PDB file of N, CA and C in Angstrom:
ATOM      1  N   UNK A   1     -13.809 -85.585 145.346  1.00  0.00           N
ATOM      2  CA  UNK A   1     -14.925 -84.927 145.982  1.00  0.00           C
ATOM      3  C   UNK A   1     -14.539 -84.631 147.435  1.00  0.00           C
ATOM      4  N   UNK A   2     -14.799 -83.419 147.862  1.00  0.00           N
ATOM      5  CA  UNK A   2     -14.435 -82.995 149.211  1.00  0.00           C
ATOM      6  C   UNK A   2     -15.431 -83.551 150.233  1.00  0.00           C
ATOM      7  N   UNK A   3     -14.879 -83.962 151.350  1.00  0.00           N
ATOM      8  CA  UNK A   3     -15.709 -84.473 152.438  1.00  0.00           C
ATOM      9  C   UNK A   3     -16.088 -83.290 153.337  1.00  0.00           C
ATOM     10  N   UNK A   4     -17.389 -83.101 153.612  1.00  0.00           N
ATOM     11  CA  UNK A   4     -17.785 -81.983 154.476  1.00  0.00           C
ATOM     12  C   UNK A   4     -17.212 -82.150 155.878  1.00  0.00           C
ATOM     13  N   UNK A   5     -16.736 -81.052 156.430  1.00  0.00           N
ATOM     14  CA  UNK A   5     -16.170 -81.069 157.775  1.00  0.00           C
ATOM     15  C   UNK A   5     -17.295 -81.016 158.806  1.00  0.00           C
ATOM     16  N   UNK A   6     -17.138 -81.828 159.843  1.00  0.00           N
ATOM     17  CA  UNK A   6     -18.122 -81.816 160.923  1.00  0.00           C
ATOM     18  C   UNK A   6     -17.893 -80.560 161.769  1.00  0.00           C
ATOM     19  N   UNK A   7     -18.971 -79.851 162.072  1.00  0.00           N
ATOM     20  CA  UNK A   7     -18.854 -78.640 162.880  1.00  0.00           C
ATOM     21  C   UNK A   7     -18.493 -79.002 164.315  1.00  0.00           C
ATOM     22  N   UNK A   8     -17.762 -78.109 164.923  1.00  0.00           N
ATOM     23  CA  UNK A   8     -17.369 -78.291 166.315  1.00  0.00           C
ATOM     24  C   UNK A   8     -18.594 -78.260 167.222  1.00  0.00           C
ATOM     25  N   UNK A   9     -18.703 -79.241 168.090  1.00  0.00           N
ATOM     26  CA  UNK A   9     -19.829 -79.291 169.034  1.00  0.00           C
ATOM     27  C   UNK A   9     -19.789 -78.093 169.972  1.00  0.00           C
ATOM     28  N   UNK A  10     -18.590 -77.706 170.400  1.00  0.00           N
ATOM     29  CA  UNK A  10     -18.469 -76.558 171.299  1.00  0.00           C
ATOM     30  C   UNK A  10     -18.969 -75.289 170.619  1.00  0.00           C
ATOM     31  N   UNK A  11     -18.668 -75.134 169.358  1.00  0.00           N
ATOM     32  CA  UNK A  11     -19.134 -73.965 168.617  1.00  0.00           C
ATOM     33  C   UNK A  11     -20.643 -73.944 168.504  1.00  0.00           C
ATOM     34  N   UNK A  12     -21.228 -75.109 168.251  1.00  0.00           N
ATOM     35  CA  UNK A  12     -22.688 -75.198 168.153  1.00  0.00           C
ATOM     36  C   UNK A  12     -23.351 -74.867 169.485  1.00  0.00           C
ATOM     37  N   UNK A  13     -22.815 -75.395 170.565  1.00  0.00           N
ATOM     38  CA  UNK A  13     -23.388 -75.147 171.887  1.00  0.00           C
ATOM     39  C   UNK A  13     -23.263 -73.669 172.243  1.00  0.00           C
ATOM     40  N   UNK A  14     -22.116 -73.067 171.942  1.00  0.00           N
ATOM     41  CA  UNK A  14     -21.929 -71.645 172.238  1.00  0.00           C
ATOM     42  C   UNK A  14     -22.905 -70.791 171.439  1.00  0.00           C
ATOM     43  N   UNK A  15     -23.107 -71.142 170.181  1.00  0.00           N
ATOM     44  CA  UNK A  15     -24.037 -70.384 169.341  1.00  0.00           C
ATOM     45  C   UNK A  15     -25.473 -70.542 169.839  1.00  0.00           C
ATOM     46  N   UNK A  16     -25.861 -71.759 170.183  1.00  0.00           N
ATOM     47  CA  UNK A  16     -27.204 -71.985 170.722  1.00  0.00           C
ATOM     48  C   UNK A  16     -27.408 -71.224 172.032  1.00  0.00           C
ATOM     49  N   UNK A  17     -26.406 -71.261 172.899  1.00  0.00           N
ATOM     50  CA  UNK A  17     -26.516 -70.549 174.174  1.00  0.00           C
ATOM     51  C   UNK A  17     -26.652 -69.052 173.945  1.00  0.00           C
ATOM     52  N   UNK A  18     -25.893 -68.523 172.998  1.00  0.00           N
ATOM     53  CA  UNK A  18     -25.984 -67.092 172.702  1.00  0.00           C
ATOM     54  C   UNK A  18     -27.365 -66.733 172.174  1.00  0.00           C
ATOM     55  N   UNK A  19     -27.900 -67.562 171.292  1.00  0.00           N
ATOM     56  CA  UNK A  19     -29.237 -67.287 170.742  1.00  0.00           C
ATOM     57  C   UNK A  19     -30.301 -67.317 171.831  1.00  0.00           C
ATOM     58  N   UNK A  20     -30.262 -68.344 172.679  1.00  0.00           N
ATOM     59  CA  UNK A  20     -31.253 -68.447 173.750  1.00  0.00           C
ATOM     60  C   UNK A  20     -31.086 -67.317 174.753  1.00  0.00           C
ATOM     61  N   UNK A  21     -29.837 -66.937 175.041  1.00  0.00           N
ATOM     62  CA  UNK A  21     -29.592 -65.861 175.993  1.00  0.00           C
ATOM     63  C   UNK A  21     -30.183 -64.555 175.479  1.00  0.00           C
ATOM     64  N   UNK A  22     -30.000 -64.273 174.199  1.00  0.00           N
ATOM     65  CA  UNK A  22     -30.567 -63.060 173.604  1.00  0.00           C
ATOM     66  C   UNK A  22     -32.092 -63.119 173.638  1.00  0.00           C
ATOM     67  N   UNK A  23     -32.648 -64.255 173.254  1.00  0.00           N
ATOM     68  CA  UNK A  23     -34.109 -64.387 173.227  1.00  0.00           C
ATOM     69  C   UNK A  23     -34.699 -64.208 174.625  1.00  0.00           C
ATOM     70  N   UNK A  24     -34.111 -64.855 175.604  1.00  0.00           N
ATOM     71  CA  UNK A  24     -34.614 -64.736 176.967  1.00  0.00           C
ATOM     72  C   UNK A  24     -34.389 -63.323 177.497  1.00  0.00           C
ATOM     73  N   UNK A  25     -33.270 -62.713 177.133  1.00  0.00           N
ATOM     74  CA  UNK A  25     -32.988 -61.337 177.543  1.00  0.00           C
ATOM     75  C   UNK A  25     -34.035 -60.361 177.037  1.00  0.00           C
ATOM     76  N   UNK A  26     -34.497 -60.570 175.812  1.00  0.00           N
ATOM     77  CA  UNK A  26     -35.546 -59.716 175.246  1.00  0.00           C
ATOM     78  C   UNK A  26     -36.841 -59.876 176.039  1.00  0.00           C
ATOM     79  N   UNK A  27     -37.166 -61.105 176.388  1.00  0.00           N
ATOM     80  CA  UNK A  27     -38.377 -61.351 177.182  1.00  0.00           C
ATOM     81  C   UNK A  27     -38.272 -60.664 178.543  1.00  0.00           C
ATOM     82  N   UNK A  28     -37.133 -60.807 179.191  1.00  0.00           N
ATOM     83  CA  UNK A  28     -36.942 -60.197 180.512  1.00  0.00           C
ATOM     84  C   UNK A  28     -36.986 -58.674 180.410  1.00  0.00           C
ATOM     85  N   UNK A  29     -36.327 -58.110 179.406  1.00  0.00           N
ATOM     86  CA  UNK A  29     -36.330 -56.654 179.230  1.00  0.00           C
ATOM     87  C   UNK A  29     -37.744 -56.131 178.992  1.00  0.00           C
ATOM     88  N   UNK A  30     -38.524 -56.859 178.210  1.00  0.00           N
ATOM     89  CA  UNK A  30     -39.911 -56.464 177.957  1.00  0.00           C
ATOM     90  C   UNK A  30     -40.724 -56.511 179.245  1.00  0.00           C
ATOM     91  N   UNK A  31     -40.523 -57.567 180.023  1.00  0.00           N
ATOM     92  CA  UNK A  31     -41.226 -57.684 181.305  1.00  0.00           C
ATOM     93  C   UNK A  31     -40.867 -56.522 182.233  1.00  0.00           C
ATOM     94  N   UNK A  32     -39.581 -56.200 182.336  1.00  0.00           N
ATOM     95  CA  UNK A  32     -39.143 -55.100 183.203  1.00  0.00           C
ATOM     96  C   UNK A  32     -39.741 -53.780 182.723  1.00  0.00           C
ATOM     97  N   UNK A  33     -39.735 -53.563 181.410  1.00  0.00           N
ATOM     98  CA  UNK A  33     -40.297 -52.338 180.843  1.00  0.00           C
ATOM     99  C   UNK A  33     -41.782 -52.207 181.181  1.00  0.00           C
ATOM    100  N   UNK A  34     -42.523 -53.286 180.990  1.00  0.00           N
ATOM    101  CA  UNK A  34     -43.962 -53.263 181.292  1.00  0.00           C
ATOM    102  C   UNK A  34     -44.203 -53.065 182.793  1.00  0.00           C
ATOM    103  N   UNK A  35     -43.365 -53.679 183.603  1.00  0.00           N
ATOM    104  CA  UNK A  35     -43.497 -53.509 185.050  1.00  0.00           C
ATOM    105  C   UNK A  35     -43.262 -52.048 185.443  1.00  0.00           C
ATOM    106  N   UNK A  36     -42.208 -51.440 184.901  1.00  0.00           N
ATOM    107  CA  UNK A  36     -41.911 -50.050 185.241  1.00  0.00           C
ATOM    108  C   UNK A  36     -43.010 -49.104 184.768  1.00  0.00           C
ATOM    109  N   UNK A  37     -43.660 -49.440 183.658  1.00  0.00           N
ATOM    110  CA  UNK A  37     -44.779 -48.617 183.190  1.00  0.00           C
ATOM    111  C   UNK A  37     -45.941 -48.653 184.183  1.00  0.00           C
ATOM    112  N   UNK A  38     -46.080 -49.755 184.905  1.00  0.00           N
ATOM    113  CA  UNK A  38     -47.191 -49.887 185.853  1.00  0.00           C
ATOM    114  C   UNK A  38     -46.913 -49.203 187.193  1.00  0.00           C
ATOM    115  N   UNK A  39     -45.652 -48.853 187.438  1.00  0.00           N
ATOM    116  CA  UNK A  39     -45.293 -48.191 188.692  1.00  0.00           C
ATOM    117  C   UNK A  39     -45.560 -46.689 188.538  1.00  0.00           C
ATOM    118  N   UNK A  40     -46.205 -46.074 189.526  1.00  0.00           N
ATOM    119  CA  UNK A  40     -46.421 -44.626 189.443  1.00  0.00           C
ATOM    120  C   UNK A  40     -45.092 -43.880 189.277  1.00  0.00           C
ATOM    121  N   UNK A  41     -45.125 -42.799 188.499  1.00  0.00           N
ATOM    122  CA  UNK A  41     -43.897 -42.083 188.161  1.00  0.00           C
ATOM    123  C   UNK A  41     -43.120 -41.612 189.388  1.00  0.00           C
ATOM    124  N   UNK A  42     -43.816 -41.176 190.418  1.00  0.00           N
ATOM    125  CA  UNK A  42     -43.120 -40.678 191.606  1.00  0.00           C
ATOM    126  C   UNK A  42     -42.466 -41.803 192.419  1.00  0.00           C
ATOM    127  N   UNK A  43     -42.804 -43.054 192.147  1.00  0.00           N
ATOM    128  CA  UNK A  43     -42.234 -44.196 192.877  1.00  0.00           C
ATOM    129  C   UNK A  43     -41.159 -44.936 192.077  1.00  0.00           C
ATOM    130  N   UNK A  44     -40.981 -44.591 190.808  1.00  0.00           N
ATOM    131  CA  UNK A  44     -40.038 -45.337 189.959  1.00  0.00           C
ATOM    132  C   UNK A  44     -38.607 -45.272 190.465  1.00  0.00           C
ATOM    133  N   UNK A  45     -38.221 -44.163 191.062  1.00  0.00           N
ATOM    134  CA  UNK A  45     -36.844 -44.052 191.553  1.00  0.00           C
ATOM    135  C   UNK A  45     -36.586 -45.006 192.720  1.00  0.00           C
ATOM    136  N   UNK A  46     -37.643 -45.470 193.366  1.00  0.00           N
ATOM    137  CA  UNK A  46     -37.498 -46.394 194.497  1.00  0.00           C
ATOM    138  C   UNK A  46     -37.406 -47.858 194.053  1.00  0.00           C
ATOM    139  N   UNK A  47     -37.743 -48.131 192.804  1.00  0.00           N
ATOM    140  CA  UNK A  47     -37.730 -49.508 192.305  1.00  0.00           C
ATOM    141  C   UNK A  47     -36.283 -49.959 192.125  1.00  0.00           C
ATOM    142  N   UNK A  48     -35.967 -51.102 192.698  1.00  0.00           N
ATOM    143  CA  UNK A  48     -34.627 -51.665 192.559  1.00  0.00           C
ATOM    144  C   UNK A  48     -34.728 -52.993 191.824  1.00  0.00           C
ATOM    145  N   UNK A  49     -34.037 -53.067 190.705  1.00  0.00           N
ATOM    146  CA  UNK A  49     -34.024 -54.298 189.911  1.00  0.00           C
ATOM    147  C   UNK A  49     -32.608 -54.869 189.977  1.00  0.00           C
ATOM    148  N   UNK A  50     -32.450 -56.072 190.509  1.00  0.00           N
ATOM    149  CA  UNK A  50     -31.114 -56.680 190.636  1.00  0.00           C
ATOM    150  C   UNK A  50     -30.628 -57.232 189.284  1.00  0.00           C
ATOM    151  N   UNK A  51     -30.023 -56.359 188.476  1.00  0.00           N
ATOM    152  CA  UNK A  51     -29.650 -56.756 187.123  1.00  0.00           C
ATOM    153  C   UNK A  51     -28.623 -57.883 187.094  1.00  0.00           C
ATOM    154  N   UNK A  52     -27.747 -57.964 188.101  1.00  0.00           N
ATOM    155  CA  UNK A  52     -26.792 -59.070 188.116  1.00  0.00           C
ATOM    156  C   UNK A  52     -27.520 -60.408 188.248  1.00  0.00           C
ATOM    157  N   UNK A  53     -28.566 -60.432 189.060  1.00  0.00           N
ATOM    158  CA  UNK A  53     -29.356 -61.658 189.196  1.00  0.00           C
ATOM    159  C   UNK A  53     -30.132 -61.965 187.924  1.00  0.00           C
ATOM    160  N   UNK A  54     -30.620 -60.924 187.274  1.00  0.00           N
ATOM    161  CA  UNK A  54     -31.339 -61.110 186.009  1.00  0.00           C
ATOM    162  C   UNK A  54     -30.406 -61.706 184.960  1.00  0.00           C
ATOM    163  N   UNK A  55     -29.173 -61.213 184.898  1.00  0.00           N
ATOM    164  CA  UNK A  55     -28.211 -61.743 183.928  1.00  0.00           C
ATOM    165  C   UNK A  55     -27.853 -63.194 184.240  1.00  0.00           C
ATOM    166  N   UNK A  56     -27.680 -63.516 185.513  1.00  0.00           N
ATOM    167  CA  UNK A  56     -27.382 -64.895 185.895  1.00  0.00           C
ATOM    168  C   UNK A  56     -28.543 -65.816 185.545  1.00  0.00           C
ATOM    169  N   UNK A  57     -29.750 -65.357 185.802  1.00  0.00           N
ATOM    170  CA  UNK A  57     -30.934 -66.144 185.467  1.00  0.00           C
ATOM    171  C   UNK A  57     -31.022 -66.361 183.962  1.00  0.00           C
ATOM    172  N   UNK A  58     -30.774 -65.309 183.201  1.00  0.00           N
ATOM    173  CA  UNK A  58     -30.834 -65.398 181.746  1.00  0.00           C
ATOM    174  C   UNK A  58     -29.815 -66.406 181.215  1.00  0.00           C
ATOM    175  N   UNK A  59     -28.593 -66.334 181.720  1.00  0.00           N
ATOM    176  CA  UNK A  59     -27.555 -67.267 181.275  1.00  0.00           C
ATOM    177  C   UNK A  59     -27.894 -68.697 181.686  1.00  0.00           C
ATOM    178  N   UNK A  60     -28.405 -68.870 182.892  1.00  0.00           N
ATOM    179  CA  UNK A  60     -28.784 -70.207 183.357  1.00  0.00           C
ATOM    180  C   UNK A  60     -29.900 -70.811 182.529  1.00  0.00           C
ATOM    181  N   UNK A  61     -30.896 -69.998 182.212  1.00  0.00           N
ATOM    182  CA  UNK A  61     -32.002 -70.479 181.377  1.00  0.00           C
ATOM    183  C   UNK A  61     -31.494 -70.822 179.984  1.00  0.00           C
ATOM    184  N   UNK A  62     -30.625 -69.985 179.438  1.00  0.00           N
ATOM    185  CA  UNK A  62     -30.079 -70.253 178.104  1.00  0.00           C
ATOM    186  C   UNK A  62     -29.337 -71.586 178.078  1.00  0.00           C
ATOM    187  N   UNK A  63     -28.515 -71.838 179.082  1.00  0.00           N
ATOM    188  CA  UNK A  63     -27.772 -73.101 179.119  1.00  0.00           C
ATOM    189  C   UNK A  63     -28.705 -74.296 179.280  1.00  0.00           C
ATOM    190  N   UNK A  64     -29.742 -74.145 180.089  1.00  0.00           N
ATOM    191  CA  UNK A  64     -30.697 -75.242 180.276  1.00  0.00           C
ATOM    192  C   UNK A  64     -31.442 -75.528 178.973  1.00  0.00           C
ATOM    193  N   UNK A  65     -31.837 -74.478 178.257  1.00  0.00           N
ATOM    194  CA  UNK A  65     -32.525 -74.666 176.984  1.00  0.00           C
ATOM    195  C   UNK A  65     -31.618 -75.332 175.960  1.00  0.00           C
ATOM    196  N   UNK A  66     -30.332 -74.995 175.987  1.00  0.00           N
ATOM    197  CA  UNK A  66     -29.380 -75.648 175.082  1.00  0.00           C
ATOM    198  C   UNK A  66     -29.277 -77.123 175.427  1.00  0.00           C
ATOM    199  N   UNK A  67     -29.225 -77.442 176.719  1.00  0.00           N
ATOM    200  CA  UNK A  67     -29.180 -78.851 177.130  1.00  0.00           C
ATOM    201  C   UNK A  67     -30.406 -79.598 176.626  1.00  0.00           C
ATOM    202  N   UNK A  68     -31.570 -78.984 176.758  1.00  0.00           N
ATOM    203  CA  UNK A  68     -32.802 -79.630 176.302  1.00  0.00           C
ATOM    204  C   UNK A  68     -32.831 -79.775 174.787  1.00  0.00           C
ATOM    205  N   UNK A  69     -32.403 -78.725 174.093  1.00  0.00           N
ATOM    206  CA  UNK A  69     -32.426 -78.747 172.632  1.00  0.00           C
ATOM    207  C   UNK A  69     -31.392 -79.710 172.075  1.00  0.00           C
ATOM    208  N   UNK A  70     -30.255 -79.807 172.763  1.00  0.00           N
ATOM    209  CA  UNK A  70     -29.140 -80.613 172.285  1.00  0.00           C
ATOM    210  C   UNK A  70     -29.110 -81.974 172.979  1.00  0.00           C
ATOM    211  N   UNK A  71     -30.180 -82.339 173.671  1.00  0.00           N
ATOM    212  CA  UNK A  71     -30.220 -83.542 174.494  1.00  0.00           C
ATOM    213  C   UNK A  71     -30.014 -84.841 173.753  1.00  0.00           C
ATOM    214  N   UNK A  72     -30.374 -84.902 172.475  1.00  0.00           N
ATOM    215  CA  UNK A  72     -30.233 -86.158 171.748  1.00  0.00           C
ATOM    216  C   UNK A  72     -28.785 -86.506 171.460  1.00  0.00           C
ATOM    217  N   UNK A  73     -27.879 -85.507 171.512  1.00  0.00           N
ATOM    218  CA  UNK A  73     -26.465 -85.763 171.254  1.00  0.00           C
ATOM    219  C   UNK A  73     -25.695 -86.056 172.532  1.00  0.00           C
ATOM    220  N   UNK A  74     -26.288 -85.782 173.679  1.00  0.00           N
ATOM    221  CA  UNK A  74     -25.565 -85.914 174.948  1.00  0.00           C
ATOM    222  C   UNK A  74     -25.359 -87.353 175.340  1.00  0.00           C
TER     223      UNK A  74
END
């Protein structure tokens, strides 16, 4: 009888981080979309959204959520 192989912890953490990053990214994109809809059309070109900061925030939140979700193994 074959013994099941234990999955790599690094692989699990990377997969969890990717899932949370995508989920949080969708939330942020929806928020930005709704915000831009509320800005008058003639002012939209003046709106500046720091996407690099948004991406850093998204990745940071994803990693924190992975830590919380995976906390029992740490």
